[in-house]
Amino acid sequence: MANGFLEHVNITVSDPERSSALLQRLCGWHERWRGPSQLGGWTIHVGSERDYLAIYTNEGRGGPFAKGTPLNHVGLVVDDLDAAEVVVKEAGLVPFNHADYEPGRRFYFFDWDGIEFEVVSYA
């Protein structure tokens, strides 16, 4: 049987620079690549050497983009949940649904585009 891992998730946002900056600060990630998308628009890859989020904008392609269905949320693991919450609040976003159950503590927030993130710590 092959062993797999999630390499990337591509999300559409209104301001890729702002979203990239938040994710770099929140997760300690770095920018891996940036450039024009094959289908038009612009993309920034932000993450680790192994995996990343592709932060895409479709400016110029016209029309709104659908949110939510079927995506429920993007889960992020951090070492320090309290420090992560400070980063989210400093970005002007609102953490909610704090919980502490096995296997870790967590909270959620919506970004500026309505994308829901779950931030969890197993520390």
N, C-alpha and C. Protein backbone atom coordinates (compact mmCIF):
# COMPACT_ATOMS: atom_id res chain seq x y z
N MET A 1 0.83 -1.17 0.00
CA MET A 1 0.00 0.00 0.00
C MET A 1 0.88 1.25 0.00
N ALA A 2 0.51 2.25 -0.79
CA ALA A 2 1.27 3.50 -0.86
C ALA A 2 0.95 4.38 0.34
N ASN A 3 1.92 5.16 0.77
CA ASN A 3 1.72 6.15 1.82
C ASN A 3 1.54 7.51 1.17
N GLY A 4 0.50 8.21 1.54
CA GLY A 4 0.24 9.51 0.95
C GLY A 4 0.20 10.61 1.99
N PHE A 5 0.23 11.84 1.53
CA PHE A 5 0.04 12.99 2.39
C PHE A 5 -0.60 14.09 1.56
N LEU A 6 -1.21 15.03 2.22
CA LEU A 6 -1.85 16.15 1.55
C LEU A 6 -0.78 17.16 1.18
N GLU A 7 -0.58 17.39 -0.10
CA GLU A 7 0.47 18.30 -0.54
C GLU A 7 0.02 19.76 -0.48
N HIS A 8 -1.17 20.05 -0.99
CA HIS A 8 -1.64 21.43 -0.95
C HIS A 8 -3.16 21.50 -1.06
N VAL A 9 -3.66 22.64 -0.65
CA VAL A 9 -5.06 23.01 -0.84
C VAL A 9 -5.05 24.36 -1.51
N ASN A 10 -5.90 24.54 -2.51
CA ASN A 10 -5.99 25.80 -3.24
C ASN A 10 -7.26 26.52 -2.81
N ILE A 11 -7.11 27.73 -2.25
CA ILE A 11 -8.27 28.51 -1.84
C ILE A 11 -8.28 29.85 -2.58
N THR A 12 -9.46 30.35 -2.87
CA THR A 12 -9.61 31.63 -3.55
C THR A 12 -9.91 32.71 -2.53
N VAL A 13 -9.14 33.78 -2.58
CA VAL A 13 -9.28 34.89 -1.64
C VAL A 13 -9.31 36.21 -2.40
N SER A 14 -9.75 37.26 -1.72
CA SER A 14 -9.80 38.57 -2.37
C SER A 14 -8.46 39.29 -2.33
N ASP A 15 -7.62 38.98 -1.34
CA ASP A 15 -6.33 39.67 -1.19
C ASP A 15 -5.27 38.64 -0.80
N PRO A 16 -4.59 38.05 -1.79
CA PRO A 16 -3.62 36.99 -1.48
C PRO A 16 -2.45 37.46 -0.62
N GLU A 17 -2.02 38.71 -0.76
CA GLU A 17 -0.92 39.22 0.06
C GLU A 17 -1.32 39.21 1.53
N ARG A 18 -2.53 39.69 1.83
CA ARG A 18 -3.01 39.75 3.21
C ARG A 18 -3.15 38.34 3.78
N SER A 19 -3.74 37.43 3.01
CA SER A 19 -3.93 36.06 3.49
C SER A 19 -2.60 35.35 3.69
N SER A 20 -1.67 35.55 2.77
CA SER A 20 -0.34 34.95 2.90
C SER A 20 0.36 35.45 4.15
N ALA A 21 0.29 36.75 4.41
CA ALA A 21 0.94 37.32 5.59
C ALA A 21 0.35 36.73 6.86
N LEU A 22 -0.97 36.59 6.94
CA LEU A 22 -1.60 36.01 8.12
C LEU A 22 -1.13 34.58 8.33
N LEU A 23 -1.15 33.76 7.29
CA LEU A 23 -0.77 32.36 7.42
C LEU A 23 0.70 32.20 7.78
N GLN A 24 1.56 33.06 7.25
CA GLN A 24 2.98 32.99 7.60
C GLN A 24 3.17 33.31 9.07
N ARG A 25 2.47 34.31 9.56
CA ARG A 25 2.61 34.70 10.97
C ARG A 25 1.96 33.67 11.89
N LEU A 26 0.81 33.15 11.49
CA LEU A 26 0.06 32.21 12.31
C LEU A 26 0.78 30.86 12.45
N CYS A 27 1.35 30.38 11.35
CA CYS A 27 1.91 29.02 11.33
C CYS A 27 3.43 28.96 11.23
N GLY A 28 4.10 30.11 11.12
CA GLY A 28 5.55 30.08 10.96
C GLY A 28 5.97 29.59 9.58
N TRP A 29 5.08 29.71 8.62
CA TRP A 29 5.37 29.26 7.25
C TRP A 29 6.15 30.31 6.49
N HIS A 30 6.52 29.96 5.27
CA HIS A 30 7.19 30.91 4.39
C HIS A 30 6.57 30.83 3.00
N GLU A 31 6.85 31.85 2.22
CA GLU A 31 6.38 31.86 0.84
C GLU A 31 7.28 30.94 0.02
N ARG A 32 6.66 29.99 -0.66
CA ARG A 32 7.39 29.02 -1.49
C ARG A 32 7.49 29.47 -2.94
N TRP A 33 6.44 30.13 -3.41
CA TRP A 33 6.37 30.52 -4.82
C TRP A 33 5.26 31.54 -4.99
N ARG A 34 5.36 32.35 -6.01
CA ARG A 34 4.28 33.24 -6.40
C ARG A 34 4.35 33.46 -7.91
N GLY A 35 3.20 33.68 -8.51
CA GLY A 35 3.18 33.94 -9.94
C GLY A 35 1.80 33.82 -10.52
N PRO A 36 1.73 34.01 -11.84
CA PRO A 36 0.43 33.91 -12.51
C PRO A 36 -0.07 32.47 -12.53
N SER A 37 -1.38 32.33 -12.40
CA SER A 37 -2.01 31.01 -12.44
C SER A 37 -2.18 30.58 -13.89
N GLN A 38 -2.20 29.28 -14.10
CA GLN A 38 -2.39 28.74 -15.45
C GLN A 38 -3.72 29.17 -16.05
N LEU A 39 -4.72 29.37 -15.21
CA LEU A 39 -6.07 29.71 -15.70
C LEU A 39 -6.38 31.19 -15.57
N GLY A 40 -5.36 32.01 -15.38
CA GLY A 40 -5.57 33.42 -15.14
C GLY A 40 -5.58 33.68 -13.65
N GLY A 41 -5.39 34.91 -13.28
CA GLY A 41 -5.32 35.23 -11.86
C GLY A 41 -3.91 35.12 -11.34
N TRP A 42 -3.78 35.09 -10.02
CA TRP A 42 -2.49 35.16 -9.34
C TRP A 42 -2.50 34.21 -8.16
N THR A 43 -1.38 33.56 -7.87
CA THR A 43 -1.29 32.59 -6.78
C THR A 43 -0.03 32.81 -5.96
N ILE A 44 -0.15 32.65 -4.64
CA ILE A 44 1.00 32.60 -3.75
C ILE A 44 0.94 31.26 -3.03
N HIS A 45 2.03 30.51 -3.05
CA HIS A 45 2.12 29.26 -2.30
C HIS A 45 2.81 29.57 -0.98
N VAL A 46 2.13 29.30 0.14
CA VAL A 46 2.68 29.57 1.46
C VAL A 46 2.55 28.30 2.30
N GLY A 47 3.67 27.88 2.92
CA GLY A 47 3.64 26.66 3.71
C GLY A 47 5.02 26.25 4.15
N SER A 48 5.21 24.94 4.23
CA SER A 48 6.50 24.36 4.61
C SER A 48 7.14 23.77 3.36
N GLU A 49 8.24 23.09 3.54
CA GLU A 49 8.89 22.45 2.39
C GLU A 49 8.07 21.29 1.84
N ARG A 50 7.22 20.70 2.68
CA ARG A 50 6.47 19.52 2.28
C ARG A 50 5.06 19.84 1.80
N ASP A 51 4.41 20.83 2.39
CA ASP A 51 3.01 21.10 2.07
C ASP A 51 2.73 22.59 2.13
N TYR A 52 1.61 23.01 1.54
CA TYR A 52 1.33 24.43 1.45
C TYR A 52 -0.14 24.69 1.13
N LEU A 53 -0.51 25.95 1.29
CA LEU A 53 -1.79 26.44 0.79
C LEU A 53 -1.49 27.30 -0.42
N ALA A 54 -2.23 27.08 -1.49
CA ALA A 54 -2.15 27.93 -2.66
C ALA A 54 -3.20 29.01 -2.47
N ILE A 55 -2.75 30.24 -2.32
CA ILE A 55 -3.62 31.38 -2.07
C ILE A 55 -3.85 32.05 -3.43
N TYR A 56 -5.04 31.88 -3.97
CA TYR A 56 -5.35 32.26 -5.35
C TYR A 56 -6.35 33.41 -5.38
N THR A 57 -6.18 34.28 -6.33
CA THR A 57 -7.19 35.30 -6.61
C THR A 57 -7.52 35.24 -8.09
N ASN A 58 -8.79 35.41 -8.38
CA ASN A 58 -9.22 35.33 -9.78
C ASN A 58 -9.64 36.70 -10.30
N GLU A 59 -9.01 37.74 -9.80
CA GLU A 59 -9.30 39.08 -10.31
C GLU A 59 -9.17 39.09 -11.82
N GLY A 60 -10.07 39.76 -12.46
CA GLY A 60 -10.03 39.85 -13.91
C GLY A 60 -10.79 38.75 -14.61
N ARG A 61 -11.11 37.66 -13.90
CA ARG A 61 -11.88 36.58 -14.52
C ARG A 61 -13.36 36.84 -14.38
N GLY A 62 -13.71 37.78 -13.52
CA GLY A 62 -15.10 38.16 -13.36
C GLY A 62 -15.89 37.19 -12.52
N GLY A 63 -16.96 37.69 -11.95
CA GLY A 63 -17.89 36.85 -11.21
C GLY A 63 -17.42 36.50 -9.82
N PRO A 64 -18.36 36.31 -8.92
CA PRO A 64 -18.01 35.90 -7.57
C PRO A 64 -17.64 34.42 -7.54
N PHE A 65 -17.00 34.01 -6.49
CA PHE A 65 -16.66 32.60 -6.32
C PHE A 65 -17.50 32.03 -5.20
N ALA A 66 -17.88 30.77 -5.33
CA ALA A 66 -18.70 30.10 -4.31
C ALA A 66 -17.85 29.77 -3.10
N LYS A 67 -18.45 29.91 -1.93
CA LYS A 67 -17.75 29.59 -0.69
C LYS A 67 -18.52 28.55 0.08
N GLY A 68 -17.81 27.84 0.95
CA GLY A 68 -18.47 26.97 1.90
C GLY A 68 -18.68 25.56 1.42
N THR A 69 -19.60 25.35 0.54
CA THR A 69 -19.96 24.01 0.11
C THR A 69 -19.10 23.61 -1.07
N PRO A 70 -18.45 22.50 -1.04
CA PRO A 70 -18.48 21.46 -0.03
C PRO A 70 -17.40 21.61 1.04
N LEU A 71 -16.55 22.65 0.98
CA LEU A 71 -15.49 22.83 1.96
C LEU A 71 -16.09 23.29 3.29
N ASN A 72 -15.78 22.57 4.37
CA ASN A 72 -16.25 22.98 5.69
C ASN A 72 -15.24 23.89 6.37
N HIS A 73 -13.99 23.47 6.48
CA HIS A 73 -12.95 24.32 7.04
C HIS A 73 -11.59 23.75 6.69
N VAL A 74 -10.56 24.58 6.90
CA VAL A 74 -9.17 24.18 6.72
C VAL A 74 -8.58 24.06 8.12
N GLY A 75 -8.00 22.91 8.45
CA GLY A 75 -7.41 22.69 9.76
C GLY A 75 -5.94 22.98 9.76
N LEU A 76 -5.48 23.75 10.75
CA LEU A 76 -4.08 24.11 10.91
C LEU A 76 -3.61 23.68 12.29
N VAL A 77 -2.44 23.08 12.38
CA VAL A 77 -1.86 22.67 13.66
C VAL A 77 -0.77 23.68 14.03
N VAL A 78 -0.81 24.16 15.27
CA VAL A 78 0.20 25.08 15.78
C VAL A 78 0.73 24.55 17.11
N ASP A 79 1.92 25.01 17.48
CA ASP A 79 2.51 24.61 18.75
C ASP A 79 1.89 25.35 19.93
N ASP A 80 1.55 26.62 19.73
CA ASP A 80 1.07 27.47 20.82
C ASP A 80 -0.28 28.06 20.43
N LEU A 81 -1.34 27.46 20.93
CA LEU A 81 -2.70 27.89 20.56
C LEU A 81 -2.99 29.30 21.05
N ASP A 82 -2.53 29.65 22.23
CA ASP A 82 -2.79 30.99 22.76
C ASP A 82 -2.11 32.06 21.92
N ALA A 83 -0.87 31.83 21.51
CA ALA A 83 -0.16 32.77 20.64
C ALA A 83 -0.85 32.87 19.28
N ALA A 84 -1.35 31.76 18.77
CA ALA A 84 -2.07 31.77 17.49
C ALA A 84 -3.34 32.61 17.59
N GLU A 85 -4.02 32.52 18.71
CA GLU A 85 -5.24 33.31 18.88
C GLU A 85 -4.93 34.80 18.89
N VAL A 86 -3.82 35.18 19.49
CA VAL A 86 -3.40 36.58 19.48
C VAL A 86 -3.18 37.06 18.04
N VAL A 87 -2.53 36.25 17.22
CA VAL A 87 -2.29 36.61 15.82
C VAL A 87 -3.61 36.83 15.09
N VAL A 88 -4.56 35.94 15.30
CA VAL A 88 -5.87 36.05 14.65
C VAL A 88 -6.56 37.33 15.08
N LYS A 89 -6.56 37.62 16.37
CA LYS A 89 -7.20 38.84 16.87
C LYS A 89 -6.51 40.10 16.36
N GLU A 90 -5.17 40.08 16.31
CA GLU A 90 -4.43 41.25 15.81
C GLU A 90 -4.72 41.52 14.34
N ALA A 91 -5.13 40.48 13.61
CA ALA A 91 -5.51 40.64 12.21
C ALA A 91 -6.93 41.18 12.06
N GLY A 92 -7.61 41.38 13.21
CA GLY A 92 -8.97 41.90 13.18
C GLY A 92 -10.02 40.83 12.97
N LEU A 93 -9.63 39.57 13.15
CA LEU A 93 -10.55 38.45 12.97
C LEU A 93 -11.01 37.95 14.33
N VAL A 94 -12.13 37.21 14.36
CA VAL A 94 -12.76 36.84 15.61
C VAL A 94 -12.71 35.32 15.83
N PRO A 95 -11.92 34.87 16.81
CA PRO A 95 -11.91 33.45 17.15
C PRO A 95 -13.24 33.07 17.82
N PHE A 96 -13.69 31.83 17.58
CA PHE A 96 -14.93 31.35 18.21
C PHE A 96 -14.86 29.85 18.40
N ASN A 97 -15.85 29.30 19.05
CA ASN A 97 -16.00 27.86 19.26
C ASN A 97 -14.75 27.22 19.86
N HIS A 98 -14.24 27.80 20.92
CA HIS A 98 -13.10 27.24 21.63
C HIS A 98 -13.50 25.91 22.25
N ALA A 99 -12.62 24.93 22.13
CA ALA A 99 -12.93 23.61 22.69
C ALA A 99 -11.64 22.94 23.14
N ASP A 100 -11.78 22.08 24.12
CA ASP A 100 -10.65 21.31 24.63
C ASP A 100 -11.12 19.88 24.81
N TYR A 101 -10.85 19.05 23.82
CA TYR A 101 -11.21 17.63 23.88
C TYR A 101 -10.15 16.85 23.12
N GLU A 102 -10.08 15.57 23.40
CA GLU A 102 -9.06 14.73 22.76
C GLU A 102 -9.22 14.80 21.25
N PRO A 103 -8.13 14.99 20.53
CA PRO A 103 -6.77 14.93 21.01
C PRO A 103 -6.13 16.30 21.27
N GLY A 104 -6.87 17.42 21.24
CA GLY A 104 -6.21 18.70 21.48
C GLY A 104 -7.17 19.85 21.68
N ARG A 105 -6.61 21.02 22.01
CA ARG A 105 -7.37 22.26 22.14
C ARG A 105 -7.50 22.90 20.78
N ARG A 106 -8.58 23.68 20.59
CA ARG A 106 -8.82 24.27 19.28
C ARG A 106 -9.71 25.49 19.37
N PHE A 107 -9.69 26.27 18.30
CA PHE A 107 -10.67 27.33 18.07
C PHE A 107 -10.82 27.49 16.56
N TYR A 108 -11.82 28.23 16.17
CA TYR A 108 -12.11 28.46 14.76
C TYR A 108 -12.14 29.96 14.50
N PHE A 109 -11.97 30.33 13.23
CA PHE A 109 -12.20 31.72 12.82
C PHE A 109 -12.50 31.74 11.33
N PHE A 110 -13.22 32.77 10.91
CA PHE A 110 -13.45 33.03 9.50
C PHE A 110 -12.48 34.11 9.05
N ASP A 111 -11.88 33.92 7.87
CA ASP A 111 -11.01 34.97 7.35
C ASP A 111 -11.87 36.03 6.68
N TRP A 112 -11.25 36.98 6.02
CA TRP A 112 -11.94 38.11 5.41
C TRP A 112 -12.84 37.67 4.26
N ASP A 113 -12.63 36.47 3.72
CA ASP A 113 -13.41 35.99 2.58
C ASP A 113 -14.43 34.93 2.98
N GLY A 114 -14.61 34.71 4.27
CA GLY A 114 -15.58 33.73 4.74
C GLY A 114 -15.07 32.30 4.77
N ILE A 115 -13.76 32.11 4.60
CA ILE A 115 -13.18 30.77 4.69
C ILE A 115 -12.99 30.46 6.17
N GLU A 116 -13.50 29.30 6.60
CA GLU A 116 -13.38 28.92 7.99
C GLU A 116 -12.09 28.13 8.21
N PHE A 117 -11.37 28.49 9.26
CA PHE A 117 -10.15 27.79 9.65
C PHE A 117 -10.34 27.23 11.05
N GLU A 118 -9.86 26.01 11.27
CA GLU A 118 -9.77 25.44 12.60
C GLU A 118 -8.29 25.44 12.98
N VAL A 119 -7.98 26.00 14.13
CA VAL A 119 -6.60 26.04 14.61
C VAL A 119 -6.55 25.13 15.84
N VAL A 120 -5.67 24.14 15.80
CA VAL A 120 -5.60 23.13 16.86
C VAL A 120 -4.17 22.98 17.35
N SER A 121 -4.03 22.67 18.63
CA SER A 121 -2.72 22.37 19.20
C SER A 121 -2.82 21.05 19.95
N TYR A 122 -1.86 20.19 19.71
CA TYR A 122 -1.79 18.90 20.38
C TYR A 122 -0.76 18.93 21.51
N ALA A 123 -0.21 20.13 21.79
CA ALA A 123 0.83 20.28 22.83
C ALA A 123 0.25 20.01 24.21
